Amino acid sequence: AEYMGRRPAIERAETATMSGHLLKRQEKKDAWNSRFFILEDDVLMYFGKDKENKPSESLSVGGRTVGAVPDGLIEGKDVLFLEREGERTFYLACPDKATVQAWVAALVAH
């Protein structure tokens, strides 16, 4: 079997549950960075660019609370969150509310 980690993210995306460019909020500042996200089984991983083959980070979706951030809490952005007690919360901005709902539904299903 081919070792999954050697394939570029954009190729892995073809068979992933969900994939796409989202904005990830930095931990310390109110800054957002574009990252390429892939949901494979119950693992969410992100890459600096879609041509990279090694994720910047991978996280298990199981045991995390996932949802949409209520309108107006984060100015001008449609955002979802993933959180687990004792760990940092991830905030991911999507192009629109429909994309937020699609990602939330896919993440919750895992």
C-alpha atoms as a PDB file:
ATOM      1  CA  ALA A   1       0.000   0.000   0.000  1.00  0.00           C
ATOM      2  CA  GLU A   2       1.128   3.497  -0.778  1.00  0.00           C
ATOM      3  CA  TYR A   3       2.250   5.536   2.213  1.00  0.00           C
ATOM      4  CA  MET A   4      -0.403   8.241   2.578  1.00  0.00           C
ATOM      5  CA  GLY A   5       1.953  10.857   3.964  1.00  0.00           C
ATOM      6  CA  ARG A   6       3.931  11.139   0.749  1.00  0.00           C
ATOM      7  CA  ARG A   7       1.068  12.387  -1.381  1.00  0.00           C
ATOM      8  CA  PRO A   8       0.517  16.141  -1.783  1.00  0.00           C
ATOM      9  CA  ALA A   9      -2.457  17.490   0.153  1.00  0.00           C
ATOM     10  CA  ILE A  10      -4.328  18.395  -3.018  1.00  0.00           C
ATOM     11  CA  GLU A  11      -4.199  14.736  -4.138  1.00  0.00           C
ATOM     12  CA  ARG A  12      -5.266  13.418  -0.736  1.00  0.00           C
ATOM     13  CA  ALA A  13      -8.207  15.825  -0.879  1.00  0.00           C
ATOM     14  CA  GLU A  14      -9.697  13.863  -3.789  1.00  0.00           C
ATOM     15  CA  THR A  15     -10.608  10.963  -1.487  1.00  0.00           C
ATOM     16  CA  ALA A  16     -11.106  12.924   1.751  1.00  0.00           C
ATOM     17  CA  THR A  17     -14.455  13.462   3.468  1.00  0.00           C
ATOM     18  CA  MET A  18     -14.001  17.249   3.216  1.00  0.00           C
ATOM     19  CA  SER A  19     -11.234  19.549   2.070  1.00  0.00           C
ATOM     20  CA  GLY A  20     -10.611  23.172   1.222  1.00  0.00           C
ATOM     21  CA  HIS A  21      -8.894  26.428   2.041  1.00  0.00           C
ATOM     22  CA  LEU A  22     -10.039  27.973   5.326  1.00  0.00           C
ATOM     23  CA  LEU A  23      -8.652  30.749   7.497  1.00  0.00           C
ATOM     24  CA  LYS A  24      -7.226  29.595  10.833  1.00  0.00           C
ATOM     25  CA  ARG A  25      -7.042  32.097  13.668  1.00  0.00           C
ATOM     26  CA  GLN A  26      -3.627  32.415  15.277  1.00  0.00           C
ATOM     27  CA  GLU A  27      -3.436  31.548  18.957  1.00  0.00           C
ATOM     28  CA  LYS A  28      -1.978  34.787  20.284  1.00  0.00           C
ATOM     29  CA  LYS A  29      -3.202  37.485  17.911  1.00  0.00           C
ATOM     30  CA  ASP A  30      -6.346  38.390  16.067  1.00  0.00           C
ATOM     31  CA  ALA A  31      -4.709  37.331  12.811  1.00  0.00           C
ATOM     32  CA  TRP A  32      -5.954  34.793  10.293  1.00  0.00           C
ATOM     33  CA  ASN A  33      -3.840  32.585   8.042  1.00  0.00           C
ATOM     34  CA  SER A  34      -5.035  30.680   4.994  1.00  0.00           C
ATOM     35  CA  ARG A  35      -4.458  26.946   5.368  1.00  0.00           C
ATOM     36  CA  PHE A  36      -5.526  23.924   3.327  1.00  0.00           C
ATOM     37  CA  PHE A  37      -7.649  21.572   5.460  1.00  0.00           C
ATOM     38  CA  ILE A  38      -8.439  17.897   4.933  1.00  0.00           C
ATOM     39  CA  LEU A  39     -10.800  15.727   6.962  1.00  0.00           C
ATOM     40  CA  GLU A  40      -9.852  12.047   6.583  1.00  0.00           C
ATOM     41  CA  ASP A  41     -11.840   9.622   8.719  1.00  0.00           C
ATOM     42  CA  ASP A  42     -11.779  11.291  12.162  1.00  0.00           C
ATOM     43  CA  VAL A  43      -8.567  13.266  11.651  1.00  0.00           C
ATOM     44  CA  LEU A  44      -8.544  16.942  10.686  1.00  0.00           C
ATOM     45  CA  MET A  45      -5.200  18.078   9.299  1.00  0.00           C
ATOM     46  CA  TYR A  46      -4.001  21.304   7.791  1.00  0.00           C
ATOM     47  CA  PHE A  47      -1.209  22.305   5.487  1.00  0.00           C
ATOM     48  CA  GLY A  48       0.463  25.639   4.768  1.00  0.00           C
ATOM     49  CA  LYS A  49      -0.129  25.068   1.048  1.00  0.00           C
ATOM     50  CA  ASP A  50      -2.137  22.489  -0.877  1.00  0.00           C
ATOM     51  CA  LYS A  51       1.011  21.152  -2.607  1.00  0.00           C
ATOM     52  CA  GLU A  52       2.682  20.176   0.683  1.00  0.00           C
ATOM     53  CA  ASN A  53       2.701  16.522   1.724  1.00  0.00           C
ATOM     54  CA  LYS A  54       3.361  16.914   5.455  1.00  0.00           C
ATOM     55  CA  PRO A  55       0.589  18.479   7.540  1.00  0.00           C
ATOM     56  CA  SER A  56       1.447  21.369   9.867  1.00  0.00           C
ATOM     57  CA  GLU A  57      -0.795  19.716  12.444  1.00  0.00           C
ATOM     58  CA  SER A  58      -3.234  16.814  12.698  1.00  0.00           C
ATOM     59  CA  LEU A  59      -5.924  16.521  15.324  1.00  0.00           C
ATOM     60  CA  SER A  60      -8.394  13.833  16.233  1.00  0.00           C
ATOM     61  CA  VAL A  61     -11.951  15.071  15.913  1.00  0.00           C
ATOM     62  CA  GLY A  62     -13.348  12.572  18.430  1.00  0.00           C
ATOM     63  CA  GLY A  63     -14.289  14.044  21.798  1.00  0.00           C
ATOM     64  CA  ARG A  64     -14.271  17.620  20.521  1.00  0.00           C
ATOM     65  CA  THR A  65     -17.183  20.022  20.602  1.00  0.00           C
ATOM     66  CA  VAL A  66     -17.807  21.430  17.130  1.00  0.00           C
ATOM     67  CA  GLY A  67     -20.150  24.210  16.094  1.00  0.00           C
ATOM     68  CA  ALA A  68     -20.703  27.511  14.352  1.00  0.00           C
ATOM     69  CA  VAL A  69     -19.687  30.700  16.148  1.00  0.00           C
ATOM     70  CA  PRO A  70     -22.831  32.883  16.536  1.00  0.00           C
ATOM     71  CA  ASP A  71     -23.158  35.744  14.053  1.00  0.00           C
ATOM     72  CA  GLY A  72     -21.464  38.968  15.067  1.00  0.00           C
ATOM     73  CA  LEU A  73     -19.045  37.521  17.623  1.00  0.00           C
ATOM     74  CA  ILE A  74     -16.178  37.535  15.130  1.00  0.00           C
ATOM     75  CA  GLU A  75     -16.441  40.627  12.968  1.00  0.00           C
ATOM     76  CA  GLY A  76     -17.189  40.024   9.308  1.00  0.00           C
ATOM     77  CA  LYS A  77     -16.436  36.294   9.277  1.00  0.00           C
ATOM     78  CA  ASP A  78     -18.397  33.043   9.164  1.00  0.00           C
ATOM     79  CA  VAL A  79     -16.543  30.842  11.646  1.00  0.00           C
ATOM     80  CA  LEU A  80     -16.666  27.355  13.127  1.00  0.00           C
ATOM     81  CA  PHE A  81     -14.900  26.151  16.251  1.00  0.00           C
ATOM     82  CA  LEU A  82     -13.448  22.897  17.553  1.00  0.00           C
ATOM     83  CA  GLU A  83     -12.731  22.648  21.257  1.00  0.00           C
ATOM     84  CA  ARG A  84     -11.770  20.073  23.860  1.00  0.00           C
ATOM     85  CA  GLU A  85     -11.341  20.752  27.566  1.00  0.00           C
ATOM     86  CA  GLY A  86      -7.728  21.451  28.487  1.00  0.00           C
ATOM     87  CA  GLU A  87      -6.674  22.161  24.890  1.00  0.00           C
ATOM     88  CA  ARG A  88      -6.685  25.245  22.731  1.00  0.00           C
ATOM     89  CA  THR A  89      -9.786  26.019  20.703  1.00  0.00           C
ATOM     90  CA  PHE A  90      -9.467  26.139  16.926  1.00  0.00           C
ATOM     91  CA  TYR A  91     -11.361  28.852  15.045  1.00  0.00           C
ATOM     92  CA  LEU A  92     -11.718  28.370  11.299  1.00  0.00           C
ATOM     93  CA  ALA A  93     -13.259  31.008   9.032  1.00  0.00           C
ATOM     94  CA  CYS A  94     -15.128  29.822   5.938  1.00  0.00           C
ATOM     95  CA  PRO A  95     -16.137  31.714   2.786  1.00  0.00           C
ATOM     96  CA  ASP A  96     -19.833  31.641   3.762  1.00  0.00           C
ATOM     97  CA  LYS A  97     -22.385  30.189   6.198  1.00  0.00           C
ATOM     98  CA  ALA A  98     -23.180  27.217   3.934  1.00  0.00           C
ATOM     99  CA  THR A  99     -19.516  26.171   4.052  1.00  0.00           C
ATOM    100  CA  VAL A 100     -19.497  26.505   7.856  1.00  0.00           C
ATOM    101  CA  GLN A 101     -22.549  24.220   8.056  1.00  0.00           C
ATOM    102  CA  ALA A 102     -21.023  21.656   5.666  1.00  0.00           C
ATOM    103  CA  TRP A 103     -17.777  21.460   7.694  1.00  0.00           C
ATOM    104  CA  VAL A 104     -19.655  21.301  11.021  1.00  0.00           C
ATOM    105  CA  ALA A 105     -21.876  18.482   9.712  1.00  0.00           C
ATOM    106  CA  ALA A 106     -18.860  16.497   8.436  1.00  0.00           C
ATOM    107  CA  LEU A 107     -16.891  17.014  11.673  1.00  0.00           C
ATOM    108  CA  VAL A 108     -19.839  16.118  13.918  1.00  0.00           C
ATOM    109  CA  ALA A 109     -20.425  12.921  11.911  1.00  0.00           C
ATOM    110  CA  HIS A 110     -17.012  11.720  13.107  1.00  0.00           C
END
